[in-house]
Amino acid sequence: MRKGVKVAIVGGVFATMVGGAGYGAFNIVSAVSEDSGTSSVTQTRKSGPPTSEEIKETSRKFLAAWAKNDPATAAGLTNYADSALPALTGWHDDAHVTRTVLTPGTPVGAKVPFKVKATVQFGEANRTLSYDSSLTVVRGETTGRPLVQWRPSVLHPAMREGDTLVTGESAAPPIQAVDRSGVVLSQEKYPSLGPVLETLRGRYGDAAGGTPGVETYIQRQDVEGTTTAKTLLTLAKGKPGTLHTTISASAQAAAEQSAAKFSKSAVVAVKPSTGEVLAVANHGYGAWNAAFEAKLAPGSTMKIITAAALIDNGVTTMTGPAPCPNEAPALSQTFHNLEGMAPDEGATLSSSFQRSCNTAFIKLSDELGPEKFAAEARNRFGLGTDWQTGIVSYDGSVPVNGNSDDPAGMIGQGKVTMNPLNMASVTATAITGTFRQPVIVSPKLGDRQLATAQGLPASTVSQLRQMMQATATSAIGTATQAMAGLGGGDIGAKTGSAEVGGQAVSNSWFTGFRGDVAAAAMVEGGGHGGDAAGPIVASVLRAGS
């Protein structure tokens, strides 16, 4: 035991120790040493899931070793000792924990929940860190022994591979993030912004003019170097610097409230005239910013790009032919429309766009070709061009596969992957004709080079705007119901529903604009675009910028 380290494990099967020698301490040490892996007795290798008794005993011994600061023994009770050892050693050496209390809960199958109460001391500062975690007991593949399945999340649920738990001067000074009008943005008021604000602090805290404090934090390596992934405990406060963002507090509030109505949803709003991000909200994804990082099929919202490509390449026009049959074959696959959609062999591109007729776009896919479609997405809409938004983001993918995934991509299926950030940007480009790479902080921070793209001809913009306006206001428009109440003026939208393998209900997608605000949302398992994602977008558009 390291000098000065005090430990305790509490619970139905654990003795309690508050420091010093004693009967409780003897029992804990004895329990741990009973299975040090050095027994000379050869036993038959067991197979199958661990028994309830094995789960109980293995978790007890692991938690006992961790609590008494015996990382070698604790790591030896895991299935990846080489990875567990430095993390468990760092519990004292890097995180400066001087006393550990672990309280196990009732196992649920092989999963054992437990509570952590750790005393952290750094210099004269002394604070308590408390949180919930869990471990899972598995059967060792080579030994057959019951072992704790090692994951960094055992140490803390917010940790992932490569992370380190550290106590010391913070990696970056604290920040006071403010919106475009100077309103303070906090995680308490805007929960979705918590991970975003933490990332902004890690990347730009030094530039904001603050001074660091002393904290216990998760240290992570990202594309721009070492950052503070999450602050867990503040032992001594630093002085925050002011960091200006492009967020609109009113749009953010609307995004948070509307996204929270669904189990898994994400929404982004941008200002088309500048590319500035006005809102980003997620619900049901934990610390993951799905709104910026998801890679999912966007469904028929992708028809905005397809329509632009058809017009730009002279295949058809808004008032030109785009017949809508019941089915359309393409590269050994037969595509269909949503159930109940009546065929219309005399349909125009505009009417097929408004009704979101899949077969109309599939029938024209041969004439357009996948290479021209992919080129439209990249060269005119800026997708896949290495966006530098200010935080981690994914800028979309429109691959050419040489099979039926190519025509499927033109209706937002196949191998095309997007997120709400991408589709909000697509709408912004469609209605202005200019691609402005989205940003959440000024590109001067970090001296970032923004992506560029050619943009769209004025005639294409005019036709896209008219088709999106009709989709949001006409009797046959699939977005009309969701956009009702926003007025019949400068508004427009496109719906989408994306089928996902193994998922009974499709993902709901919706993108729209009102004045100088464009927004896009997705709801996993939400069904039709207008039913779930549509109301989220409408709420954000109603809030404005």
Protein backbone atom coordinates (compact mmCIF):
# COMPACT_ATOMS: atom_id res chain seq x y z
CA MET A 1 0.00 0.00 0.00
CA ARG A 2 1.30 3.45 -0.86
CA LYS A 3 2.05 5.65 2.11
CA GLY A 4 -0.81 7.97 2.97
CA VAL A 5 -3.35 6.12 0.86
CA LYS A 6 -6.55 5.16 2.66
CA VAL A 7 -9.15 2.83 1.22
CA ALA A 8 -12.59 1.45 1.94
CA ILE A 9 -15.00 -0.93 0.26
CA VAL A 10 -18.54 -1.12 1.55
CA GLY A 11 -21.45 -3.35 0.79
CA GLY A 12 -23.00 -6.62 1.82
CA VAL A 13 -19.92 -8.76 1.16
CA PHE A 14 -17.21 -6.18 1.86
CA ALA A 15 -15.43 -5.28 5.07
CA THR A 16 -14.99 -1.57 5.81
CA MET A 17 -11.63 0.08 6.38
CA VAL A 18 -10.99 3.76 7.14
CA GLY A 19 -7.20 3.63 7.41
CA GLY A 20 -4.62 1.85 9.50
CA ALA A 21 -4.31 -1.84 10.30
CA GLY A 22 -7.13 -3.96 11.66
CA TYR A 23 -9.31 -7.01 11.17
CA GLY A 24 -11.16 -5.42 8.25
CA ALA A 25 -7.91 -4.63 6.49
CA PHE A 26 -6.66 -8.19 7.01
CA ASN A 27 -9.80 -9.63 5.48
CA ILE A 28 -9.58 -7.47 2.37
CA VAL A 29 -5.93 -8.25 1.78
CA SER A 30 -6.53 -11.94 2.33
CA ALA A 31 -9.47 -11.97 -0.09
CA VAL A 32 -7.36 -10.39 -2.80
CA SER A 33 -4.30 -12.59 -2.32
CA GLU A 34 -6.35 -15.78 -2.61
CA ASP A 35 -6.48 -15.43 -6.41
CA SER A 36 -3.20 -13.88 -7.44
CA GLY A 37 -2.91 -16.17 -10.44
CA THR A 38 0.15 -17.99 -9.03
CA SER A 39 -1.54 -21.21 -7.90
CA SER A 40 0.36 -24.35 -8.93
CA VAL A 41 -2.77 -26.46 -8.95
CA THR A 42 -3.87 -27.29 -12.48
CA GLN A 43 -7.62 -27.02 -12.91
CA THR A 44 -9.90 -27.92 -15.79
CA ARG A 45 -10.50 -24.85 -17.91
CA LYS A 46 -14.09 -23.74 -17.47
CA SER A 47 -16.30 -22.54 -20.30
CA GLY A 48 -19.62 -20.79 -20.68
CA PRO A 49 -20.82 -17.59 -19.01
CA PRO A 50 -19.55 -16.89 -15.48
CA THR A 51 -21.78 -18.09 -12.70
CA SER A 52 -23.42 -15.70 -10.25
CA GLU A 53 -20.94 -16.75 -7.58
CA GLU A 54 -17.99 -16.14 -9.93
CA ILE A 55 -19.38 -12.70 -10.82
CA LYS A 56 -19.76 -11.88 -7.13
CA GLU A 57 -16.29 -13.08 -6.14
CA THR A 58 -14.40 -11.64 -9.12
CA SER A 59 -15.96 -8.20 -8.78
CA ARG A 60 -15.33 -8.27 -5.02
CA LYS A 61 -11.65 -9.06 -5.43
CA PHE A 62 -11.15 -6.53 -8.25
CA LEU A 63 -12.81 -3.71 -6.31
CA ALA A 64 -10.87 -4.66 -3.18
CA ALA A 65 -7.55 -4.46 -5.02
CA TRP A 66 -8.44 -1.19 -6.69
CA ALA A 67 -9.60 0.36 -3.41
CA LYS A 68 -6.42 -0.54 -1.53
CA ASN A 69 -4.32 0.86 -4.39
CA ASP A 70 -2.92 -2.47 -5.57
CA PRO A 71 -3.04 -1.91 -9.34
CA ALA A 72 -1.02 -5.02 -10.22
CA THR A 73 -3.46 -7.34 -8.49
CA ALA A 74 -6.48 -5.46 -9.81
CA ALA A 75 -5.14 -5.52 -13.37
CA GLY A 76 -4.44 -9.24 -13.03
CA LEU A 77 -8.14 -9.76 -12.40
CA THR A 78 -9.04 -8.25 -15.79
CA ASN A 79 -8.97 -9.73 -19.28
CA TYR A 80 -6.57 -7.01 -20.54
CA ALA A 81 -4.05 -6.55 -17.76
CA ASP A 82 -1.58 -4.61 -19.94
CA SER A 83 -4.19 -1.92 -20.60
CA ALA A 84 -5.69 -1.94 -17.12
CA LEU A 85 -2.40 -1.62 -15.22
CA PRO A 86 -1.38 1.92 -16.31
CA ALA A 87 -4.94 3.20 -15.86
CA LEU A 88 -5.25 1.76 -12.35
CA THR A 89 -1.73 2.90 -11.45
CA GLY A 90 -2.65 6.40 -12.60
CA TRP A 91 -5.59 6.43 -10.18
CA HIS A 92 -3.09 7.43 -7.45
CA ASP A 93 -0.07 8.63 -9.41
CA ASP A 94 -1.85 10.85 -11.96
CA ALA A 95 -5.29 11.53 -10.48
CA HIS A 96 -3.84 11.98 -6.95
CA VAL A 97 -6.53 9.94 -5.22
CA THR A 98 -5.57 9.40 -1.56
CA ARG A 99 -8.63 7.47 -0.36
CA THR A 100 -11.08 5.30 -2.28
CA VAL A 101 -14.49 4.06 -1.21
CA LEU A 102 -16.30 1.65 -3.55
CA THR A 103 -19.89 0.61 -2.91
CA PRO A 104 -21.12 -2.27 -5.07
CA GLY A 105 -24.73 -2.57 -6.13
CA THR A 106 -26.81 -5.58 -7.04
CA PRO A 107 -25.47 -7.42 -10.12
CA VAL A 108 -27.68 -7.48 -13.20
CA GLY A 109 -26.53 -10.58 -15.03
CA ALA A 110 -22.78 -10.25 -15.47
CA LYS A 111 -22.86 -6.47 -14.93
CA VAL A 112 -22.04 -5.13 -11.48
CA PRO A 113 -22.83 -1.45 -10.78
CA PHE A 114 -20.85 0.36 -8.13
CA LYS A 115 -20.46 3.81 -6.63
CA VAL A 116 -17.12 5.57 -6.40
CA LYS A 117 -16.20 8.07 -3.70
CA ALA A 118 -12.62 9.26 -4.07
CA THR A 119 -10.68 11.78 -2.04
CA VAL A 120 -8.45 13.84 -4.33
CA GLN A 121 -5.59 15.86 -2.88
CA PHE A 122 -3.29 18.20 -4.77
CA GLY A 123 -1.10 20.50 -2.75
CA GLU A 124 -3.30 22.05 -0.07
CA ALA A 125 -6.48 21.41 -2.03
CA ASN A 126 -8.63 18.46 -0.97
CA ARG A 127 -11.99 17.52 -2.52
CA THR A 128 -14.24 14.48 -2.94
CA LEU A 129 -15.13 13.05 -6.34
CA SER A 130 -18.27 10.89 -6.45
CA TYR A 131 -19.87 9.08 -9.39
CA ASP A 132 -21.45 5.83 -10.56
CA SER A 133 -19.72 3.23 -12.71
CA SER A 134 -20.04 -0.46 -13.53
CA LEU A 135 -18.03 -3.50 -14.55
CA THR A 136 -18.81 -6.71 -16.40
CA VAL A 137 -17.40 -10.13 -15.58
CA VAL A 138 -16.54 -12.39 -18.52
CA ARG A 139 -14.90 -15.78 -19.02
CA GLY A 140 -11.21 -15.55 -19.96
CA GLU A 141 -10.73 -16.84 -23.50
CA THR A 142 -7.49 -18.71 -22.79
CA THR A 143 -7.63 -19.39 -19.06
CA GLY A 144 -11.34 -19.93 -18.53
CA ARG A 145 -11.07 -17.76 -15.40
CA PRO A 146 -13.80 -15.26 -14.55
CA LEU A 147 -12.28 -11.84 -15.20
CA VAL A 148 -13.38 -8.22 -15.25
CA GLN A 149 -13.84 -7.08 -18.83
CA TRP A 150 -11.46 -4.15 -18.98
CA ARG A 151 -12.69 -0.91 -20.45
CA PRO A 152 -11.50 2.60 -19.49
CA SER A 153 -15.15 3.28 -18.63
CA VAL A 154 -14.75 1.01 -15.59
CA LEU A 155 -12.48 3.70 -14.10
CA HIS A 156 -14.95 6.43 -15.13
CA PRO A 157 -17.94 6.07 -17.49
CA ALA A 158 -16.85 9.08 -19.58
CA MET A 159 -13.43 7.60 -20.36
CA ARG A 160 -12.55 5.84 -23.62
CA GLU A 161 -9.48 4.23 -25.15
CA GLY A 162 -6.41 6.45 -24.91
CA ASP A 163 -7.81 8.69 -22.17
CA THR A 164 -5.96 9.49 -18.94
CA LEU A 165 -7.41 10.62 -15.62
CA VAL A 166 -5.34 13.56 -14.36
CA THR A 167 -5.32 15.99 -11.44
CA GLY A 168 -3.27 19.13 -11.75
CA GLU A 169 -3.23 22.49 -13.43
CA SER A 170 -5.96 22.32 -16.04
CA ALA A 171 -4.88 21.62 -19.60
CA ALA A 172 -6.68 24.80 -20.64
CA PRO A 173 -8.05 27.80 -18.71
CA PRO A 174 -11.80 27.82 -18.09
CA ILE A 175 -13.96 29.76 -20.52
CA GLN A 176 -17.14 31.76 -20.36
CA ALA A 177 -18.72 31.04 -23.71
CA VAL A 178 -21.15 33.64 -25.00
CA ASP A 179 -23.58 33.61 -27.91
CA ARG A 180 -23.59 36.00 -30.85
CA SER A 181 -25.29 38.67 -28.71
CA GLY A 182 -23.17 38.22 -25.59
CA VAL A 183 -25.56 35.92 -23.71
CA VAL A 184 -23.66 33.46 -21.48
CA LEU A 185 -23.95 29.84 -22.62
CA SER A 186 -23.74 27.23 -19.85
CA GLN A 187 -24.25 23.49 -19.68
CA GLU A 188 -26.77 23.99 -16.90
CA LYS A 189 -29.05 26.07 -19.13
CA TYR A 190 -28.23 24.34 -22.43
CA PRO A 191 -27.39 20.69 -21.62
CA SER A 192 -26.60 19.72 -25.23
CA LEU A 193 -23.83 22.29 -25.31
CA GLY A 194 -21.91 20.67 -22.44
CA PRO A 195 -19.62 18.48 -24.58
CA VAL A 196 -19.31 21.26 -27.17
CA LEU A 197 -18.24 23.82 -24.57
CA GLU A 198 -15.74 21.36 -23.12
CA THR A 199 -14.21 20.85 -26.56
CA LEU A 200 -14.10 24.59 -27.23
CA ARG A 201 -12.37 25.12 -23.92
CA GLY A 202 -9.79 22.46 -24.67
CA ARG A 203 -9.00 23.90 -28.09
CA TYR A 204 -9.29 27.64 -27.53
CA GLY A 205 -9.14 28.22 -23.78
CA ASP A 206 -5.60 29.56 -24.04
CA ALA A 207 -6.70 32.10 -26.66
CA ALA A 208 -9.65 33.31 -24.56
CA GLY A 209 -7.45 35.06 -22.02
CA GLY A 210 -8.19 33.09 -18.84
CA THR A 211 -5.89 31.51 -16.28
CA PRO A 212 -5.96 27.78 -15.43
CA GLY A 213 -7.16 26.32 -12.16
CA VAL A 214 -6.51 22.96 -10.51
CA GLU A 215 -8.84 20.20 -11.64
CA THR A 216 -9.37 16.48 -11.95
CA TYR A 217 -10.10 15.89 -15.61
CA ILE A 218 -10.12 13.34 -18.40
CA GLN A 219 -7.22 14.05 -20.74
CA ARG A 220 -7.73 13.06 -24.38
CA GLN A 221 -5.78 13.23 -27.61
CA ASP A 222 -7.74 14.61 -30.57
CA VAL A 223 -6.72 15.76 -34.04
CA GLU A 224 -5.33 19.01 -32.69
CA GLY A 225 -3.41 17.56 -29.75
CA THR A 226 -4.04 17.05 -26.03
CA THR A 227 -7.30 18.46 -24.72
CA THR A 228 -9.51 18.37 -21.67
CA ALA A 229 -12.30 15.98 -22.65
CA LYS A 230 -14.24 16.42 -19.42
CA THR A 231 -13.63 18.22 -16.14
CA LEU A 232 -14.76 16.01 -13.23
CA LEU A 233 -13.76 18.05 -10.20
CA THR A 234 -12.49 21.58 -9.54
CA LEU A 235 -10.08 21.87 -6.64
CA ALA A 236 -9.07 25.47 -7.27
CA LYS A 237 -10.89 27.78 -9.63
CA GLY A 238 -9.12 29.48 -12.50
CA LYS A 239 -10.12 32.75 -14.11
CA PRO A 240 -12.35 32.17 -17.17
CA GLY A 241 -11.70 33.95 -20.43
CA THR A 242 -14.52 35.02 -22.73
CA LEU A 243 -15.01 32.90 -25.85
CA HIS A 244 -17.34 34.25 -28.52
CA THR A 245 -19.39 31.67 -30.44
CA THR A 246 -21.81 31.92 -33.35
CA ILE A 247 -24.64 30.31 -31.34
CA SER A 248 -27.98 32.10 -30.92
CA ALA A 249 -29.32 31.57 -27.39
CA SER A 250 -32.95 31.70 -28.58
CA ALA A 251 -32.39 29.18 -31.37
CA GLN A 252 -30.39 26.96 -29.03
CA ALA A 253 -33.16 26.96 -26.43
CA ALA A 254 -35.72 25.96 -29.05
CA ALA A 255 -33.42 23.23 -30.36
CA GLU A 256 -32.86 21.81 -26.88
CA GLN A 257 -36.55 21.75 -26.01
CA SER A 258 -37.77 20.23 -29.26
CA ALA A 259 -35.03 17.58 -29.50
CA ALA A 260 -35.75 16.43 -25.94
CA LYS A 261 -39.19 15.18 -27.03
CA PHE A 262 -37.62 12.16 -28.76
CA SER A 263 -35.42 9.36 -27.46
CA LYS A 264 -32.65 9.86 -30.04
CA SER A 265 -32.58 13.10 -31.99
CA ALA A 266 -30.22 15.78 -33.24
CA VAL A 267 -30.66 19.19 -34.87
CA VAL A 268 -28.45 21.94 -36.29
CA ALA A 269 -29.33 25.46 -37.46
CA VAL A 270 -27.07 27.67 -39.57
CA LYS A 271 -27.19 31.19 -40.95
CA PRO A 272 -27.10 30.76 -44.76
CA SER A 273 -25.65 34.22 -45.42
CA THR A 274 -22.57 33.52 -43.30
CA GLY A 275 -22.37 29.78 -42.54
CA GLU A 276 -22.44 30.47 -38.80
CA VAL A 277 -23.93 27.72 -36.64
CA LEU A 278 -26.88 29.09 -34.68
CA ALA A 279 -27.83 25.97 -32.73
CA VAL A 280 -26.67 22.41 -32.14
CA ALA A 281 -28.64 20.05 -29.93
CA ASN A 282 -28.62 16.32 -29.25
CA HIS A 283 -30.80 14.09 -27.13
CA GLY A 284 -30.17 10.47 -26.19
CA TYR A 285 -26.52 10.36 -27.32
CA GLY A 286 -24.72 11.17 -24.08
CA ALA A 287 -21.55 13.15 -24.70
CA TRP A 288 -21.49 12.30 -28.42
CA ASN A 289 -22.32 15.20 -30.74
CA ALA A 290 -24.38 13.24 -33.27
CA ALA A 291 -25.59 16.48 -34.86
CA PHE A 292 -22.03 17.10 -36.10
CA GLU A 293 -20.53 13.62 -36.17
CA ALA A 294 -23.21 11.10 -37.18
CA LYS A 295 -22.76 9.10 -40.38
CA LEU A 296 -26.26 8.04 -41.38
CA ALA A 297 -28.31 7.76 -44.56
CA PRO A 298 -30.26 11.05 -44.88
CA GLY A 299 -33.19 9.68 -46.88
CA SER A 300 -35.01 11.94 -49.32
CA THR A 301 -33.51 15.16 -47.96
CA MET A 302 -30.68 14.16 -50.33
CA LYS A 303 -33.02 14.86 -53.26
CA ILE A 304 -32.09 18.54 -52.91
CA ILE A 305 -28.63 17.67 -54.24
CA THR A 306 -30.04 15.20 -56.78
CA ALA A 307 -32.46 17.81 -58.13
CA ALA A 308 -29.62 20.33 -58.40
CA ALA A 309 -27.47 17.80 -60.26
CA LEU A 310 -30.30 16.98 -62.68
CA ILE A 311 -30.79 20.68 -63.44
CA ASP A 312 -27.08 21.57 -63.63
CA ASN A 313 -26.35 18.67 -65.98
CA GLY A 314 -29.26 19.40 -68.32
CA VAL A 315 -31.20 16.21 -67.56
CA THR A 316 -34.43 18.03 -66.68
CA THR A 317 -35.76 21.21 -65.07
CA MET A 318 -38.25 22.13 -62.40
CA THR A 319 -41.06 22.07 -64.95
CA GLY A 320 -39.49 19.30 -67.03
CA PRO A 321 -40.47 15.62 -66.97
CA ALA A 322 -39.80 13.37 -63.99
CA PRO A 323 -42.37 10.52 -64.27
CA CYS A 324 -43.35 8.79 -61.04
CA PRO A 325 -44.21 5.09 -61.65
CA ASN A 326 -44.97 2.53 -58.96
CA GLU A 327 -41.52 0.99 -59.26
CA ALA A 328 -38.23 1.57 -61.04
CA PRO A 329 -35.40 -0.94 -61.61
CA ALA A 330 -31.77 0.12 -61.45
CA LEU A 331 -28.66 -2.09 -61.46
CA SER A 332 -30.40 -5.30 -60.40
CA GLN A 333 -32.48 -3.62 -57.69
CA THR A 334 -36.10 -2.51 -57.89
CA PHE A 335 -37.02 0.67 -56.05
CA HIS A 336 -40.48 1.60 -54.75
CA ASN A 337 -42.27 4.61 -53.32
CA LEU A 338 -43.81 5.01 -49.90
CA GLU A 339 -46.94 2.94 -49.50
CA GLY A 340 -50.04 4.66 -50.81
CA MET A 341 -48.32 7.04 -53.25
CA ALA A 342 -50.28 7.14 -56.50
CA PRO A 343 -48.21 6.87 -59.70
CA ASP A 344 -48.00 9.89 -62.01
CA GLU A 345 -46.43 9.27 -65.40
CA GLY A 346 -46.86 12.93 -66.32
CA ALA A 347 -45.14 14.31 -63.25
CA THR A 348 -42.67 17.19 -63.38
CA LEU A 349 -39.49 17.37 -61.34
CA SER A 350 -41.22 19.83 -59.03
CA SER A 351 -44.24 17.64 -58.32
CA SER A 352 -42.08 14.53 -57.82
CA PHE A 353 -39.87 16.57 -55.46
CA GLN A 354 -42.87 17.83 -53.50
CA ARG A 355 -44.33 14.35 -53.10
CA SER A 356 -40.86 12.83 -52.58
CA CYS A 357 -41.29 10.25 -55.32
CA ASN A 358 -38.35 7.83 -55.18
CA THR A 359 -38.94 6.22 -58.56
CA ALA A 360 -38.83 9.54 -60.41
CA PHE A 361 -35.28 10.16 -59.24
CA ILE A 362 -34.24 6.54 -59.77
CA LYS A 363 -35.52 6.61 -63.37
CA LEU A 364 -33.34 9.66 -64.06
CA SER A 365 -30.28 8.21 -62.32
CA ASP A 366 -28.98 6.45 -65.44
CA GLU A 367 -29.04 9.65 -67.45
CA LEU A 368 -27.32 11.63 -64.70
CA GLY A 369 -24.75 9.03 -63.65
CA PRO A 370 -23.16 8.52 -60.20
CA GLU A 371 -19.97 10.42 -61.03
CA LYS A 372 -21.86 13.62 -61.83
CA PHE A 373 -23.99 13.20 -58.74
CA ALA A 374 -20.94 12.79 -56.51
CA ALA A 375 -19.25 15.75 -58.22
CA GLU A 376 -22.32 17.93 -57.56
CA ALA A 377 -22.21 17.06 -53.86
CA ARG A 378 -18.53 17.86 -53.53
CA ASN A 379 -17.87 20.65 -56.00
CA ARG A 380 -21.04 22.67 -55.56
CA PHE A 381 -22.26 21.80 -52.03
CA GLY A 382 -18.82 21.38 -50.42
CA LEU A 383 -19.47 17.94 -48.95
CA GLY A 384 -16.41 15.84 -48.15
CA THR A 385 -14.02 18.80 -48.34
CA ASP A 386 -12.47 18.70 -44.84
CA TRP A 387 -14.58 21.19 -42.92
CA GLN A 388 -12.89 23.08 -40.07
CA THR A 389 -15.93 23.99 -37.98
CA GLY A 390 -14.01 24.65 -34.76
CA ILE A 391 -14.93 21.31 -33.15
CA VAL A 392 -14.94 17.69 -34.31
CA SER A 393 -17.28 17.30 -37.28
CA TYR A 394 -17.97 15.00 -40.22
CA ASP A 395 -18.55 16.63 -43.59
CA GLY A 396 -20.51 13.92 -45.41
CA SER A 397 -19.70 11.22 -47.95
CA VAL A 398 -21.13 10.54 -51.41
CA PRO A 399 -19.12 7.58 -52.74
CA VAL A 400 -19.32 5.97 -56.18
CA ASN A 401 -19.65 2.21 -55.72
CA GLY A 402 -20.42 0.84 -59.20
CA ASN A 403 -23.51 -1.06 -58.02
CA SER A 404 -27.11 -0.43 -56.94
CA ASP A 405 -25.86 1.68 -54.04
CA ASP A 406 -25.22 4.45 -56.59
CA PRO A 407 -28.85 5.08 -57.63
CA ALA A 408 -29.89 4.41 -54.03
CA GLY A 409 -27.60 7.25 -52.96
CA MET A 410 -29.58 9.68 -55.11
CA ILE A 411 -32.55 9.15 -52.79
CA GLY A 412 -30.40 9.25 -49.66
CA GLN A 413 -29.92 5.52 -49.18
CA GLY A 414 -27.10 3.16 -50.21
CA LYS A 415 -23.70 4.25 -48.93
CA VAL A 416 -24.37 7.99 -48.69
CA THR A 417 -23.84 9.23 -45.13
CA MET A 418 -24.73 12.62 -43.63
CA ASN A 419 -25.69 14.33 -40.39
CA PRO A 420 -27.88 17.34 -39.52
CA LEU A 421 -24.93 19.73 -39.87
CA ASN A 422 -24.37 18.55 -43.44
CA MET A 423 -28.02 18.81 -44.44
CA ALA A 424 -28.48 22.25 -42.87
CA SER A 425 -25.49 23.38 -44.94
CA VAL A 426 -26.98 21.76 -48.07
CA THR A 427 -30.16 23.77 -47.59
CA ALA A 428 -28.16 26.95 -46.99
CA THR A 429 -26.23 26.42 -50.23
CA ALA A 430 -29.40 25.56 -52.15
CA ILE A 431 -31.17 28.80 -51.24
CA THR A 432 -28.21 31.17 -51.56
CA GLY A 433 -26.15 29.53 -54.30
CA THR A 434 -22.99 29.99 -52.23
CA PHE A 435 -21.32 27.32 -50.12
CA ARG A 436 -20.21 28.80 -46.83
CA GLN A 437 -18.51 26.21 -44.66
CA PRO A 438 -20.27 26.05 -41.27
CA VAL A 439 -18.36 27.38 -38.25
CA ILE A 440 -19.18 27.56 -34.56
CA VAL A 441 -16.32 29.94 -33.67
CA SER A 442 -14.34 32.38 -35.78
CA PRO A 443 -11.84 30.72 -38.15
CA LYS A 444 -9.24 33.09 -36.71
CA LEU A 445 -9.19 30.83 -33.67
CA GLY A 446 -6.70 28.10 -34.46
CA ASP A 447 -5.93 29.82 -37.76
CA ARG A 448 -8.28 27.43 -39.55
CA GLN A 449 -8.50 27.26 -43.34
CA LEU A 450 -12.15 26.91 -44.33
CA ALA A 451 -13.29 24.60 -47.12
CA THR A 452 -14.53 26.10 -50.37
CA ALA A 453 -16.80 24.98 -53.21
CA GLN A 454 -18.08 26.32 -56.51
CA GLY A 455 -21.69 26.86 -55.47
CA LEU A 456 -24.75 26.90 -57.72
CA PRO A 457 -25.88 28.89 -60.76
CA ALA A 458 -28.60 31.49 -60.09
CA SER A 459 -31.13 29.62 -62.26
CA THR A 460 -30.62 26.42 -60.25
CA VAL A 461 -31.02 28.31 -56.98
CA SER A 462 -34.29 29.83 -58.20
CA GLN A 463 -35.69 26.41 -59.11
CA LEU A 464 -34.57 24.75 -55.87
CA ARG A 465 -36.10 27.54 -53.78
CA GLN A 466 -39.40 27.27 -55.63
CA MET A 467 -39.52 23.49 -55.25
CA MET A 468 -38.69 23.66 -51.54
CA GLN A 469 -41.27 26.43 -51.02
CA ALA A 470 -43.92 24.32 -52.73
CA THR A 471 -42.96 21.28 -50.63
CA ALA A 472 -43.61 23.37 -47.50
CA THR A 473 -46.84 25.05 -48.62
CA SER A 474 -48.65 23.12 -51.38
CA ALA A 475 -51.46 20.61 -50.97
CA ILE A 476 -49.22 17.75 -52.12
CA GLY A 477 -46.11 18.88 -50.27
CA THR A 478 -44.82 16.36 -47.73
CA ALA A 479 -43.56 19.18 -45.46
CA THR A 480 -46.71 21.30 -45.45
CA GLN A 481 -48.13 20.04 -42.18
CA ALA A 482 -44.86 20.40 -40.25
CA MET A 483 -44.25 23.93 -41.60
CA ALA A 484 -47.80 25.15 -40.98
CA GLY A 485 -47.90 28.31 -38.93
CA LEU A 486 -44.57 29.66 -40.16
CA GLY A 487 -46.26 31.71 -42.86
CA GLY A 488 -46.33 31.19 -46.60
CA GLY A 489 -43.55 33.65 -47.41
CA ASP A 490 -39.84 32.91 -47.49
CA ILE A 491 -39.98 29.32 -46.24
CA GLY A 492 -39.16 25.95 -47.75
CA ALA A 493 -38.39 22.38 -46.75
CA LYS A 494 -37.67 18.80 -47.75
CA THR A 495 -38.63 15.64 -45.89
CA GLY A 496 -36.84 12.32 -45.69
CA SER A 497 -37.20 8.87 -44.18
CA ALA A 498 -34.20 6.57 -44.26
CA GLU A 499 -34.48 2.82 -43.96
CA VAL A 500 -31.85 1.21 -41.77
CA GLY A 501 -31.09 -2.51 -41.83
CA GLY A 502 -32.43 -4.33 -38.78
CA GLN A 503 -34.53 -1.35 -37.74
CA ALA A 504 -38.32 -1.76 -37.85
CA VAL A 505 -39.07 1.96 -38.18
CA SER A 506 -37.15 4.27 -40.51
CA ASN A 507 -35.17 7.30 -39.35
CA SER A 508 -36.96 10.62 -39.71
CA TRP A 509 -35.14 13.47 -41.50
CA PHE A 510 -36.21 17.02 -42.27
CA THR A 511 -34.48 20.15 -43.49
CA GLY A 512 -35.95 23.58 -44.07
CA PHE A 513 -35.40 27.31 -44.15
CA ARG A 514 -37.13 30.48 -43.05
CA GLY A 515 -35.54 33.76 -44.00
CA ASP A 516 -31.84 33.65 -43.10
CA VAL A 517 -32.06 30.47 -41.01
CA ALA A 518 -31.65 26.93 -42.32
CA ALA A 519 -32.04 23.89 -40.07
CA ALA A 520 -31.95 20.12 -40.33
CA ALA A 521 -32.89 17.38 -37.88
CA MET A 522 -32.93 13.62 -37.60
CA VAL A 523 -34.84 11.35 -35.23
CA GLU A 524 -33.75 7.73 -35.07
CA GLY A 525 -36.75 5.46 -35.46
CA GLY A 526 -38.99 8.50 -35.98
CA GLY A 527 -40.64 7.31 -39.19
CA HIS A 528 -41.73 9.82 -41.85
CA GLY A 529 -39.74 13.05 -42.04
CA GLY A 530 -42.65 15.34 -41.33
CA ASP A 531 -43.80 13.39 -38.28
CA ALA A 532 -40.79 13.66 -35.96
CA ALA A 533 -37.87 15.64 -37.40
CA GLY A 534 -40.22 18.15 -39.04
CA PRO A 535 -41.60 19.65 -35.80
CA ILE A 536 -38.05 19.99 -34.43
CA VAL A 537 -36.93 22.02 -37.45
CA ALA A 538 -40.11 24.11 -37.44
CA SER A 539 -39.55 24.97 -33.78
CA VAL A 540 -36.00 26.14 -34.43
CA LEU A 541 -37.03 28.13 -37.51
CA ARG A 542 -39.79 29.76 -35.48
CA ALA A 543 -37.24 30.91 -32.89
CA GLY A 544 -35.17 32.59 -35.60
CA SER A 545 -31.63 33.85 -35.15
